[in-house]
N, C-alpha and C. Protein backbone atom coordinates (compact mmCIF):
# COMPACT_ATOMS: atom_id res chain seq x y z
N TYR A 1 0.69 -12.30 -5.10
CA TYR A 1 1.02 -11.91 -6.46
C TYR A 1 0.10 -10.76 -6.86
N LEU A 2 0.69 -9.70 -7.41
CA LEU A 2 -0.09 -8.54 -7.83
C LEU A 2 -0.37 -8.60 -9.31
N SER A 3 -1.57 -8.21 -9.68
CA SER A 3 -1.90 -8.18 -11.10
C SER A 3 -1.30 -6.93 -11.73
N ASP A 4 -1.31 -6.89 -13.05
CA ASP A 4 -0.77 -5.72 -13.76
C ASP A 4 -1.50 -4.45 -13.37
N ASP A 5 -2.80 -4.54 -13.14
CA ASP A 5 -3.57 -3.35 -12.77
C ASP A 5 -3.08 -2.75 -11.47
N GLU A 6 -2.68 -3.58 -10.51
CA GLU A 6 -2.19 -3.07 -9.25
C GLU A 6 -0.84 -2.39 -9.41
N TYR A 7 0.00 -2.86 -10.35
CA TYR A 7 1.27 -2.20 -10.60
C TYR A 7 1.07 -0.86 -11.30
N ASN A 8 0.05 -0.75 -12.12
CA ASN A 8 -0.19 0.48 -12.87
C ASN A 8 -1.01 1.49 -12.08
N SER A 9 -1.27 1.22 -10.84
CA SER A 9 -2.08 2.09 -10.00
C SER A 9 -1.37 3.42 -9.77
N ASP A 10 -2.14 4.47 -9.65
CA ASP A 10 -1.59 5.79 -9.33
C ASP A 10 -1.85 6.14 -7.87
N ASP A 11 -2.06 5.13 -7.01
CA ASP A 11 -2.37 5.35 -5.60
C ASP A 11 -1.25 6.08 -4.86
N TYR A 12 -0.02 5.99 -5.35
CA TYR A 12 1.10 6.62 -4.68
C TYR A 12 1.14 8.14 -4.90
N LEU A 13 0.35 8.63 -5.84
CA LEU A 13 0.33 10.06 -6.13
C LEU A 13 -0.52 10.79 -5.11
N PRO A 14 -0.12 12.01 -4.70
CA PRO A 14 -0.94 12.77 -3.76
C PRO A 14 -2.23 13.22 -4.44
N ASN A 15 -3.30 13.30 -3.65
CA ASN A 15 -4.55 13.80 -4.23
C ASN A 15 -4.58 15.32 -4.11
N ALA A 16 -5.56 15.93 -4.73
CA ALA A 16 -5.65 17.40 -4.79
C ALA A 16 -5.74 18.01 -3.39
N ALA A 17 -6.44 17.35 -2.46
CA ALA A 17 -6.58 17.87 -1.10
C ALA A 17 -5.23 17.91 -0.39
N GLU A 18 -4.40 16.89 -0.58
CA GLU A 18 -3.09 16.88 0.05
C GLU A 18 -2.20 18.00 -0.49
N ILE A 19 -2.29 18.26 -1.77
CA ILE A 19 -1.50 19.34 -2.37
C ILE A 19 -2.00 20.69 -1.88
N ALA A 20 -3.32 20.87 -1.81
CA ALA A 20 -3.90 22.14 -1.38
C ALA A 20 -3.54 22.44 0.06
N ASN A 21 -3.43 21.44 0.93
CA ASN A 21 -3.15 21.64 2.35
C ASN A 21 -1.67 21.83 2.63
N ASP A 22 -0.82 21.55 1.69
CA ASP A 22 0.61 21.68 1.89
C ASP A 22 1.13 22.85 1.05
N ASP A 23 1.35 23.99 1.71
CA ASP A 23 1.79 25.19 0.99
C ASP A 23 3.18 25.03 0.37
N ASN A 24 3.98 24.12 0.91
CA ASN A 24 5.35 23.94 0.42
C ASN A 24 5.50 22.71 -0.46
N PHE A 25 4.40 22.18 -0.99
CA PHE A 25 4.43 20.92 -1.73
C PHE A 25 5.41 20.97 -2.90
N PHE A 26 5.45 22.09 -3.63
CA PHE A 26 6.28 22.17 -4.82
C PHE A 26 7.62 22.84 -4.57
N GLU A 27 7.93 23.16 -3.32
CA GLU A 27 9.20 23.81 -3.01
C GLU A 27 10.23 22.78 -2.60
N LEU A 28 11.49 23.07 -2.88
CA LEU A 28 12.60 22.19 -2.53
C LEU A 28 12.88 22.31 -1.04
N ASP A 29 13.07 21.19 -0.37
CA ASP A 29 13.44 21.19 1.04
C ASP A 29 14.79 21.85 1.20
N GLU A 30 14.96 22.65 2.25
CA GLU A 30 16.24 23.28 2.50
C GLU A 30 17.31 22.22 2.79
N ASP A 31 16.92 21.14 3.47
CA ASP A 31 17.88 20.10 3.84
C ASP A 31 18.43 19.35 2.64
N ASN A 32 17.72 19.34 1.52
CA ASN A 32 18.16 18.59 0.35
C ASN A 32 19.43 19.15 -0.26
N ASN A 33 19.72 20.40 -0.01
CA ASN A 33 20.89 21.02 -0.61
C ASN A 33 21.68 21.75 0.47
N ALA A 34 22.12 21.02 1.48
CA ALA A 34 22.81 21.60 2.63
C ALA A 34 24.19 22.14 2.25
N THR A 35 24.81 21.63 1.21
CA THR A 35 26.16 22.06 0.85
C THR A 35 26.17 23.38 0.08
N GLY A 36 25.04 23.82 -0.39
CA GLY A 36 24.97 25.05 -1.15
C GLY A 36 25.32 24.89 -2.61
N GLU A 37 25.67 23.68 -3.04
CA GLU A 37 26.00 23.49 -4.45
C GLU A 37 24.72 23.45 -5.28
N GLN A 38 24.84 23.84 -6.51
CA GLN A 38 23.69 23.90 -7.39
C GLN A 38 23.25 22.50 -7.79
N LEU A 39 21.94 22.24 -7.63
CA LEU A 39 21.41 20.94 -8.03
C LEU A 39 21.32 20.88 -9.54
N ARG A 40 21.56 19.70 -10.09
CA ARG A 40 21.41 19.52 -11.51
C ARG A 40 20.34 18.47 -11.75
N SER A 41 19.70 18.57 -12.87
CA SER A 41 18.69 17.59 -13.24
C SER A 41 19.37 16.38 -13.88
N ALA A 42 18.64 15.26 -13.89
CA ALA A 42 19.14 14.06 -14.55
C ALA A 42 19.33 14.34 -16.04
N LYS A 43 20.18 13.55 -16.68
CA LYS A 43 20.45 13.73 -18.11
C LYS A 43 19.22 13.34 -18.93
N THR A 44 18.98 14.09 -19.98
CA THR A 44 17.94 13.74 -20.94
C THR A 44 18.57 13.66 -22.33
N ALA A 45 17.84 13.05 -23.25
CA ALA A 45 18.35 12.90 -24.61
C ALA A 45 18.34 14.21 -25.37
N GLN A 46 17.68 15.23 -24.82
CA GLN A 46 17.61 16.52 -25.49
C GLN A 46 19.00 17.12 -25.68
N ALA A 47 19.88 16.93 -24.71
CA ALA A 47 21.23 17.48 -24.80
C ALA A 47 22.20 16.54 -25.51
N SER A 48 21.76 15.33 -25.79
CA SER A 48 22.62 14.33 -26.42
C SER A 48 22.70 14.54 -27.92
N THR A 49 23.88 14.27 -28.47
CA THR A 49 24.05 14.37 -29.93
C THR A 49 23.75 13.05 -30.61
N ILE A 50 23.62 11.99 -29.80
CA ILE A 50 23.33 10.66 -30.34
C ILE A 50 21.82 10.42 -30.26
N ILE A 51 21.24 9.92 -31.33
CA ILE A 51 19.82 9.60 -31.32
C ILE A 51 19.63 8.34 -30.49
N THR A 52 18.80 8.46 -29.45
CA THR A 52 18.59 7.38 -28.51
C THR A 52 17.12 7.01 -28.45
N ALA A 53 16.81 5.73 -28.43
CA ALA A 53 15.42 5.26 -28.35
C ALA A 53 15.14 4.73 -26.95
N CYS A 54 13.90 4.90 -26.53
CA CYS A 54 13.44 4.40 -25.24
C CYS A 54 13.53 2.87 -25.22
N LYS A 55 14.00 2.32 -24.12
CA LYS A 55 14.15 0.87 -23.99
C LYS A 55 12.81 0.16 -23.82
N ILE A 56 11.74 0.91 -23.54
CA ILE A 56 10.42 0.31 -23.36
C ILE A 56 9.59 0.38 -24.64
N CYS A 57 9.41 1.60 -25.19
CA CYS A 57 8.54 1.77 -26.36
C CYS A 57 9.32 1.82 -27.68
N PHE A 58 10.64 1.89 -27.61
CA PHE A 58 11.54 1.91 -28.78
C PHE A 58 11.37 3.15 -29.65
N LYS A 59 10.78 4.22 -29.11
CA LYS A 59 10.64 5.47 -29.85
C LYS A 59 11.69 6.47 -29.38
N SER A 60 12.09 7.36 -30.28
CA SER A 60 13.07 8.38 -29.92
C SER A 60 12.44 9.77 -29.91
N ASP A 61 11.11 9.83 -29.88
CA ASP A 61 10.43 11.12 -29.86
C ASP A 61 10.53 11.77 -28.47
N ARG A 62 10.22 13.02 -28.39
CA ARG A 62 10.20 13.82 -27.16
C ARG A 62 11.48 13.66 -26.33
N PRO A 63 12.63 14.07 -26.88
CA PRO A 63 13.89 13.90 -26.16
C PRO A 63 13.95 14.67 -24.84
N GLU A 64 13.10 15.66 -24.66
CA GLU A 64 13.10 16.45 -23.42
C GLU A 64 12.59 15.64 -22.23
N VAL A 65 11.87 14.53 -22.47
CA VAL A 65 11.39 13.67 -21.39
C VAL A 65 11.96 12.25 -21.53
N LEU A 66 13.04 12.11 -22.26
CA LEU A 66 13.71 10.83 -22.44
C LEU A 66 14.94 10.81 -21.54
N LEU A 67 14.83 10.17 -20.37
CA LEU A 67 15.90 10.14 -19.39
C LEU A 67 17.02 9.21 -19.83
N LEU A 68 18.25 9.61 -19.58
CA LEU A 68 19.41 8.78 -19.85
C LEU A 68 20.01 8.32 -18.53
N CYS A 69 20.22 7.04 -18.39
CA CYS A 69 20.82 6.47 -17.18
C CYS A 69 22.24 7.01 -17.01
N ASP A 70 22.60 7.39 -15.79
CA ASP A 70 23.95 7.90 -15.53
C ASP A 70 25.00 6.79 -15.50
N ASP A 71 24.56 5.54 -15.53
CA ASP A 71 25.51 4.42 -15.53
C ASP A 71 25.67 3.83 -16.93
N CYS A 72 24.57 3.42 -17.55
CA CYS A 72 24.66 2.69 -18.83
C CYS A 72 24.21 3.52 -20.04
N ASP A 73 23.67 4.69 -19.84
CA ASP A 73 23.17 5.59 -20.88
C ASP A 73 21.95 5.05 -21.64
N ASP A 74 21.27 4.03 -21.10
CA ASP A 74 20.00 3.59 -21.69
C ASP A 74 18.98 4.71 -21.49
N ALA A 75 18.01 4.78 -22.39
CA ALA A 75 17.01 5.86 -22.35
C ALA A 75 15.63 5.31 -22.00
N TYR A 76 14.87 6.12 -21.25
CA TYR A 76 13.51 5.77 -20.86
C TYR A 76 12.67 7.03 -20.83
N HIS A 77 11.48 6.99 -21.45
CA HIS A 77 10.54 8.10 -21.31
C HIS A 77 10.00 8.11 -19.88
N LEU A 78 9.72 9.29 -19.37
CA LEU A 78 9.16 9.40 -18.02
C LEU A 78 7.93 8.53 -17.86
N GLU A 79 7.05 8.55 -18.86
CA GLU A 79 5.79 7.83 -18.75
C GLU A 79 5.92 6.33 -19.04
N CYS A 80 7.06 5.90 -19.58
CA CYS A 80 7.26 4.47 -19.84
C CYS A 80 7.74 3.74 -18.59
N LEU A 81 8.29 4.47 -17.64
CA LEU A 81 8.76 3.86 -16.40
C LEU A 81 7.59 3.46 -15.53
N ARG A 82 7.77 2.44 -14.68
CA ARG A 82 6.75 2.03 -13.72
C ARG A 82 7.37 2.07 -12.34
N PRO A 83 6.90 2.88 -11.42
CA PRO A 83 5.83 3.85 -11.62
C PRO A 83 6.30 5.01 -12.50
N LYS A 84 5.33 5.66 -13.13
CA LYS A 84 5.63 6.78 -14.01
C LYS A 84 6.27 7.90 -13.20
N LEU A 85 7.21 8.60 -13.83
CA LEU A 85 7.77 9.80 -13.20
C LEU A 85 7.01 11.01 -13.71
N LEU A 86 6.78 11.97 -12.83
CA LEU A 86 6.03 13.16 -13.21
C LEU A 86 6.92 14.27 -13.74
N SER A 87 8.21 14.23 -13.38
CA SER A 87 9.14 15.26 -13.85
C SER A 87 10.55 14.69 -13.88
N ILE A 88 11.44 15.43 -14.51
CA ILE A 88 12.85 15.04 -14.56
C ILE A 88 13.41 15.11 -13.14
N PRO A 89 13.97 14.02 -12.61
CA PRO A 89 14.49 14.05 -11.24
C PRO A 89 15.75 14.89 -11.13
N ASP A 90 15.99 15.41 -9.92
CA ASP A 90 17.22 16.14 -9.65
C ASP A 90 18.35 15.16 -9.42
N GLY A 91 19.55 15.56 -9.78
CA GLY A 91 20.72 14.73 -9.53
C GLY A 91 20.85 13.56 -10.48
N ASP A 92 21.62 12.57 -10.05
CA ASP A 92 21.85 11.39 -10.88
C ASP A 92 20.58 10.54 -10.95
N TRP A 93 20.40 9.87 -12.08
CA TRP A 93 19.27 8.96 -12.25
C TRP A 93 19.79 7.67 -12.86
N TYR A 94 19.35 6.56 -12.30
CA TYR A 94 19.77 5.25 -12.78
C TYR A 94 18.54 4.47 -13.24
N CYS A 95 18.67 3.79 -14.36
CA CYS A 95 17.56 3.02 -14.92
C CYS A 95 17.21 1.85 -14.00
N PRO A 96 16.05 1.24 -14.20
CA PRO A 96 15.66 0.12 -13.33
C PRO A 96 16.68 -1.03 -13.32
N LEU A 97 17.29 -1.34 -14.45
CA LEU A 97 18.27 -2.43 -14.49
C LEU A 97 19.52 -2.10 -13.68
N CYS A 98 20.00 -0.87 -13.81
CA CYS A 98 21.19 -0.47 -13.05
C CYS A 98 20.88 -0.37 -11.55
N GLU A 99 19.69 0.12 -11.22
CA GLU A 99 19.28 0.16 -9.81
C GLU A 99 19.25 -1.25 -9.24
N HIS A 100 18.70 -2.19 -10.01
CA HIS A 100 18.63 -3.58 -9.58
C HIS A 100 20.04 -4.16 -9.40
N LYS A 101 20.90 -3.85 -10.34
CA LYS A 101 22.29 -4.34 -10.27
C LYS A 101 22.99 -3.78 -9.03
N LYS A 102 22.81 -2.48 -8.76
CA LYS A 102 23.44 -1.87 -7.58
C LYS A 102 22.91 -2.49 -6.30
N LEU A 103 21.59 -2.69 -6.23
CA LEU A 103 20.99 -3.29 -5.04
C LEU A 103 21.47 -4.72 -4.86
N SER A 104 21.52 -5.49 -5.94
CA SER A 104 21.98 -6.87 -5.87
C SER A 104 23.43 -6.95 -5.40
N ASN A 105 24.27 -6.10 -5.92
CA ASN A 105 25.68 -6.08 -5.51
C ASN A 105 25.81 -5.72 -4.03
N HIS A 106 25.01 -4.77 -3.59
CA HIS A 106 25.03 -4.37 -2.18
C HIS A 106 24.59 -5.53 -1.29
N LEU A 107 23.53 -6.23 -1.70
CA LEU A 107 23.04 -7.37 -0.91
C LEU A 107 24.06 -8.51 -0.89
N ILE A 108 24.75 -8.74 -1.99
CA ILE A 108 25.79 -9.77 -2.03
C ILE A 108 26.92 -9.44 -1.06
N GLU A 109 27.32 -8.16 -1.03
CA GLU A 109 28.38 -7.74 -0.10
C GLU A 109 27.93 -7.92 1.34
N LYS A 110 26.69 -7.59 1.64
CA LYS A 110 26.16 -7.78 3.00
C LYS A 110 26.12 -9.25 3.36
N LEU A 111 25.73 -10.11 2.42
CA LEU A 111 25.70 -11.55 2.66
C LEU A 111 27.11 -12.08 2.94
N LYS A 112 28.09 -11.60 2.19
CA LYS A 112 29.47 -12.01 2.42
C LYS A 112 29.91 -11.64 3.84
N GLU A 113 29.57 -10.41 4.27
CA GLU A 113 29.92 -9.96 5.62
C GLU A 113 29.26 -10.85 6.67
N LEU A 114 27.99 -11.17 6.46
CA LEU A 114 27.29 -12.03 7.41
C LEU A 114 27.91 -13.42 7.47
N LEU A 115 28.29 -13.97 6.33
CA LEU A 115 28.91 -15.29 6.31
C LEU A 115 30.27 -15.29 7.01
N ILE A 116 31.03 -14.24 6.80
CA ILE A 116 32.33 -14.13 7.48
C ILE A 116 32.13 -14.05 8.99
N ASN A 117 31.17 -13.19 9.41
CA ASN A 117 30.89 -13.06 10.84
C ASN A 117 30.37 -14.37 11.42
N PHE A 118 29.53 -15.07 10.68
CA PHE A 118 29.01 -16.35 11.13
C PHE A 118 30.13 -17.35 11.31
N ASN A 119 31.05 -17.40 10.34
CA ASN A 119 32.19 -18.32 10.45
C ASN A 119 33.07 -18.00 11.65
N ILE A 120 33.26 -16.74 11.94
CA ILE A 120 34.06 -16.33 13.11
C ILE A 120 33.35 -16.77 14.39
N VAL A 121 32.07 -16.57 14.48
CA VAL A 121 31.30 -16.97 15.66
C VAL A 121 31.33 -18.49 15.81
N GLU A 122 31.20 -19.22 14.71
CA GLU A 122 31.24 -20.68 14.77
C GLU A 122 32.61 -21.19 15.21
N GLN A 123 33.67 -20.55 14.74
CA GLN A 123 35.02 -20.95 15.15
C GLN A 123 35.20 -20.70 16.64
N ASN A 124 34.74 -19.54 17.10
CA ASN A 124 34.87 -19.22 18.53
C ASN A 124 34.04 -20.19 19.38
N ARG A 125 32.89 -20.60 18.89
CA ARG A 125 32.00 -21.50 19.62
C ARG A 125 32.61 -22.90 19.74
N THR A 126 33.27 -23.34 18.67
CA THR A 126 33.86 -24.68 18.69
C THR A 126 35.16 -24.74 19.50
N GLU A 127 35.79 -23.61 19.72
CA GLU A 127 37.07 -23.59 20.47
C GLU A 127 36.87 -23.63 21.94
């Protein structure tokens, strides 16, 4: 079991030496955009006409850093998320609840496949 302090750790962030040694640290990988289409940033509340509050702190300030989920349109400040985001991500962005829901649904489908395969193997074994 991890304490709250371990969850709030910034250990995942690169240190200054790692950034200094990597000349391409802030550049986009060529492979990330192989199709040549223009990348778009995740939606923020800045472009929204509806006043939206962060689901964590319940404030609607700083709409330029208030991310909107591409599935449910819930809003989250970059710094309210755990781990904190340092910038607006490229492409679609899904809130923690929607990510959890997608992962859970995927795992349920995999479990169903495994159960079907298990039943087929058991039928073949008994025959």
